[in-house]
């Protein structure tokens, strides 16, 4: 394949990746905010962008490239990256959950020490 074809393929995959990431961003905002009307519009926009990304991904040229990539060991690389990111997310969740009680205990201790230093007024 010539360089023009490769540029088209890479640009197409970048657009698809951008659509997917923005679609998931809209899904995340849908779940994180409490406003119902805005949530529904973000949900529908996220579904629409993901459908557009799938439609762009399922072209004959992209299917050919996906088939070529599937015949290499790229899937193992993506599996290692995915597993590493999942383990990092689990570790971050544990660190956040277990550091919060320690921080709260520390804040209570500081509060007690500050109250002890105040003069007792009857």
C-alpha atoms as a PDB file:
ATOM      1  CA  UNK A   1       0.000   0.000   0.000  1.00  0.00           C
ATOM      2  CA  UNK A   2       1.132   3.523  -0.685  1.00  0.00           C
ATOM      3  CA  UNK A   3       1.576   6.318   1.843  1.00  0.00           C
ATOM      4  CA  UNK A   4      -1.724   8.026   0.923  1.00  0.00           C
ATOM      5  CA  UNK A   5      -3.670   4.901   1.853  1.00  0.00           C
ATOM      6  CA  UNK A   6      -1.815   4.570   5.163  1.00  0.00           C
ATOM      7  CA  UNK A   7      -2.504   8.217   6.010  1.00  0.00           C
ATOM      8  CA  UNK A   8      -6.212   7.675   5.283  1.00  0.00           C
ATOM      9  CA  UNK A   9      -6.310   4.560   7.449  1.00  0.00           C
ATOM     10  CA  UNK A  10      -4.465   6.170  10.370  1.00  0.00           C
ATOM     11  CA  UNK A  11      -6.617   9.314  10.163  1.00  0.00           C
ATOM     12  CA  UNK A  12      -9.771   7.189  10.099  1.00  0.00           C
ATOM     13  CA  UNK A  13      -8.711   5.249  13.180  1.00  0.00           C
ATOM     14  CA  UNK A  14      -7.818   8.496  14.999  1.00  0.00           C
ATOM     15  CA  UNK A  15     -11.278   9.896  14.225  1.00  0.00           C
ATOM     16  CA  UNK A  16     -12.929   6.666  15.409  1.00  0.00           C
ATOM     17  CA  UNK A  17     -10.864   6.657  18.618  1.00  0.00           C
ATOM     18  CA  UNK A  18     -11.812  10.291  19.244  1.00  0.00           C
ATOM     19  CA  UNK A  19     -15.489   9.550  18.715  1.00  0.00           C
ATOM     20  CA  UNK A  20     -15.355   6.571  21.047  1.00  0.00           C
ATOM     21  CA  UNK A  21     -13.529   8.478  23.775  1.00  0.00           C
ATOM     22  CA  UNK A  22     -15.900  11.439  23.537  1.00  0.00           C
ATOM     23  CA  UNK A  23     -18.871   9.068  23.564  1.00  0.00           C
ATOM     24  CA  UNK A  24     -17.601   7.435  26.732  1.00  0.00           C
ATOM     25  CA  UNK A  25     -16.959  10.884  28.214  1.00  0.00           C
ATOM     26  CA  UNK A  26     -20.600  11.747  27.619  1.00  0.00           C
ATOM     27  CA  UNK A  27     -21.624   8.448  29.237  1.00  0.00           C
ATOM     28  CA  UNK A  28     -19.461   9.279  32.257  1.00  0.00           C
ATOM     29  CA  UNK A  29     -21.043  12.710  32.562  1.00  0.00           C
ATOM     30  CA  UNK A  30     -24.454  11.084  32.236  1.00  0.00           C
ATOM     31  CA  UNK A  31     -23.759   8.870  35.233  1.00  0.00           C
ATOM     32  CA  UNK A  32     -21.931  11.454  37.343  1.00  0.00           C
ATOM     33  CA  UNK A  33     -24.293  14.421  37.244  1.00  0.00           C
ATOM     34  CA  UNK A  34     -27.710  14.651  38.804  1.00  0.00           C
ATOM     35  CA  UNK A  35     -29.639  16.686  36.258  1.00  0.00           C
ATOM     36  CA  UNK A  36     -32.049  14.396  34.461  1.00  0.00           C
ATOM     37  CA  UNK A  37     -32.652  16.409  31.276  1.00  0.00           C
ATOM     38  CA  UNK A  38     -28.968  16.992  30.644  1.00  0.00           C
ATOM     39  CA  UNK A  39     -28.247  13.362  31.503  1.00  0.00           C
ATOM     40  CA  UNK A  40     -30.656  12.074  28.877  1.00  0.00           C
ATOM     41  CA  UNK A  41     -29.218  14.329  26.182  1.00  0.00           C
ATOM     42  CA  UNK A  42     -25.685  13.218  27.059  1.00  0.00           C
ATOM     43  CA  UNK A  43     -26.759   9.575  27.067  1.00  0.00           C
ATOM     44  CA  UNK A  44     -28.334   9.902  23.629  1.00  0.00           C
ATOM     45  CA  UNK A  45     -25.359  11.881  22.321  1.00  0.00           C
ATOM     46  CA  UNK A  46     -22.978   9.229  23.660  1.00  0.00           C
ATOM     47  CA  UNK A  47     -24.958   6.431  22.032  1.00  0.00           C
ATOM     48  CA  UNK A  48     -25.060   8.407  18.778  1.00  0.00           C
ATOM     49  CA  UNK A  49     -21.302   8.988  18.764  1.00  0.00           C
ATOM     50  CA  UNK A  50     -20.582   5.353  19.546  1.00  0.00           C
ATOM     51  CA  UNK A  51     -22.920   4.261  16.729  1.00  0.00           C
ATOM     52  CA  UNK A  52     -21.137   6.657  14.361  1.00  0.00           C
ATOM     53  CA  UNK A  53     -17.769   5.254  15.430  1.00  0.00           C
ATOM     54  CA  UNK A  54     -18.958   1.693  14.782  1.00  0.00           C
ATOM     55  CA  UNK A  55     -20.334   2.728  11.375  1.00  0.00           C
ATOM     56  CA  UNK A  56     -16.991   4.272  10.429  1.00  0.00           C
ATOM     57  CA  UNK A  57     -15.109   1.276  11.763  1.00  0.00           C
ATOM     58  CA  UNK A  58     -17.074  -1.266   9.741  1.00  0.00           C
ATOM     59  CA  UNK A  59     -15.887  -0.259   6.282  1.00  0.00           C
ATOM     60  CA  UNK A  60     -14.207  -2.812   3.972  1.00  0.00           C
ATOM     61  CA  UNK A  61     -10.812  -1.073   4.145  1.00  0.00           C
ATOM     62  CA  UNK A  62     -10.906  -0.902   7.958  1.00  0.00           C
ATOM     63  CA  UNK A  63     -11.984  -4.540   8.165  1.00  0.00           C
ATOM     64  CA  UNK A  64      -8.962  -5.450   6.027  1.00  0.00           C
ATOM     65  CA  UNK A  65      -6.627  -3.513   8.335  1.00  0.00           C
ATOM     66  CA  UNK A  66      -8.230  -5.071  11.430  1.00  0.00           C
ATOM     67  CA  UNK A  67      -7.733  -8.511   9.880  1.00  0.00           C
ATOM     68  CA  UNK A  68      -4.052  -7.746   9.223  1.00  0.00           C
ATOM     69  CA  UNK A  69      -3.563  -6.513  12.787  1.00  0.00           C
ATOM     70  CA  UNK A  70      -5.380  -9.563  14.163  1.00  0.00           C
ATOM     71  CA  UNK A  71      -2.918 -11.854  12.427  1.00  0.00           C
ATOM     72  CA  UNK A  72      -0.009 -10.298  14.350  1.00  0.00           C
ATOM     73  CA  UNK A  73       0.674 -10.475  18.081  1.00  0.00           C
ATOM     74  CA  UNK A  74      -0.831  -7.031  18.653  1.00  0.00           C
ATOM     75  CA  UNK A  75      -3.715  -8.571  20.585  1.00  0.00           C
ATOM     76  CA  UNK A  76      -1.277  -9.801  23.228  1.00  0.00           C
ATOM     77  CA  UNK A  77       0.209  -6.330  23.558  1.00  0.00           C
ATOM     78  CA  UNK A  78      -3.263  -4.825  23.991  1.00  0.00           C
ATOM     79  CA  UNK A  79      -4.104  -7.552  26.514  1.00  0.00           C
ATOM     80  CA  UNK A  80      -1.003  -6.717  28.580  1.00  0.00           C
ATOM     81  CA  UNK A  81      -1.757  -2.983  28.416  1.00  0.00           C
ATOM     82  CA  UNK A  82      -5.394  -3.566  29.373  1.00  0.00           C
ATOM     83  CA  UNK A  83      -4.458  -5.826  32.278  1.00  0.00           C
ATOM     84  CA  UNK A  84      -1.910  -3.312  33.529  1.00  0.00           C
ATOM     85  CA  UNK A  85      -4.426  -0.478  33.412  1.00  0.00           C
ATOM     86  CA  UNK A  86      -7.044  -2.582  35.195  1.00  0.00           C
ATOM     87  CA  UNK A  87      -4.566  -3.490  37.942  1.00  0.00           C
ATOM     88  CA  UNK A  88      -3.626   0.184  38.269  1.00  0.00           C
ATOM     89  CA  UNK A  89      -7.316   1.103  38.609  1.00  0.00           C
ATOM     90  CA  UNK A  90      -7.796  -1.548  41.313  1.00  0.00           C
ATOM     91  CA  UNK A  91      -4.718  -0.301  43.163  1.00  0.00           C
ATOM     92  CA  UNK A  92      -5.855   3.330  42.913  1.00  0.00           C
ATOM     93  CA  UNK A  93      -9.286   2.378  44.245  1.00  0.00           C
ATOM     94  CA  UNK A  94      -7.689   0.588  47.206  1.00  0.00           C
ATOM     95  CA  UNK A  95      -5.336   3.450  47.946  1.00  0.00           C
ATOM     96  CA  UNK A  96      -8.148   6.007  47.808  1.00  0.00           C
ATOM     97  CA  UNK A  97     -10.465   3.939  50.011  1.00  0.00           C
ATOM     98  CA  UNK A  98      -7.858   3.074  52.631  1.00  0.00           C
ATOM     99  CA  UNK A  99      -6.191   6.480  52.779  1.00  0.00           C
ATOM    100  CA  UNK A 100      -9.460   8.306  53.454  1.00  0.00           C
ATOM    101  CA  UNK A 101     -10.076   6.704  56.899  1.00  0.00           C
ATOM    102  CA  UNK A 102      -6.486   7.444  57.895  1.00  0.00           C
ATOM    103  CA  UNK A 103      -6.916  11.048  56.804  1.00  0.00           C
ATOM    104  CA  UNK A 104     -10.168  11.356  58.750  1.00  0.00           C
ATOM    105  CA  UNK A 105      -8.503   9.903  61.855  1.00  0.00           C
ATOM    106  CA  UNK A 106      -5.660  12.403  61.468  1.00  0.00           C
ATOM    107  CA  UNK A 107      -8.113  15.313  61.072  1.00  0.00           C
ATOM    108  CA  UNK A 108     -10.001  14.244  64.236  1.00  0.00           C
ATOM    109  CA  UNK A 109      -6.747  14.061  66.188  1.00  0.00           C
ATOM    110  CA  UNK A 110      -5.772  17.561  65.039  1.00  0.00           C
ATOM    111  CA  UNK A 111      -9.238  18.821  66.000  1.00  0.00           C
ATOM    112  CA  UNK A 112      -8.930  17.341  69.505  1.00  0.00           C
ATOM    113  CA  UNK A 113      -5.518  18.936  69.988  1.00  0.00           C
ATOM    114  CA  UNK A 114      -6.835  22.305  68.865  1.00  0.00           C
ATOM    115  CA  UNK A 115      -9.813  22.082  71.228  1.00  0.00           C
ATOM    116  CA  UNK A 116      -7.501  21.234  74.129  1.00  0.00           C
ATOM    117  CA  UNK A 117      -5.534  24.419  73.545  1.00  0.00           C
ATOM    118  CA  UNK A 118      -8.643  26.635  73.706  1.00  0.00           C
ATOM    119  CA  UNK A 119      -9.399  28.256  77.063  1.00  0.00           C
ATOM    120  CA  UNK A 120     -12.388  26.822  78.910  1.00  0.00           C
ATOM    121  CA  UNK A 121     -14.993  29.522  79.361  1.00  0.00           C
ATOM    122  CA  UNK A 122     -17.810  28.743  81.839  1.00  0.00           C
END
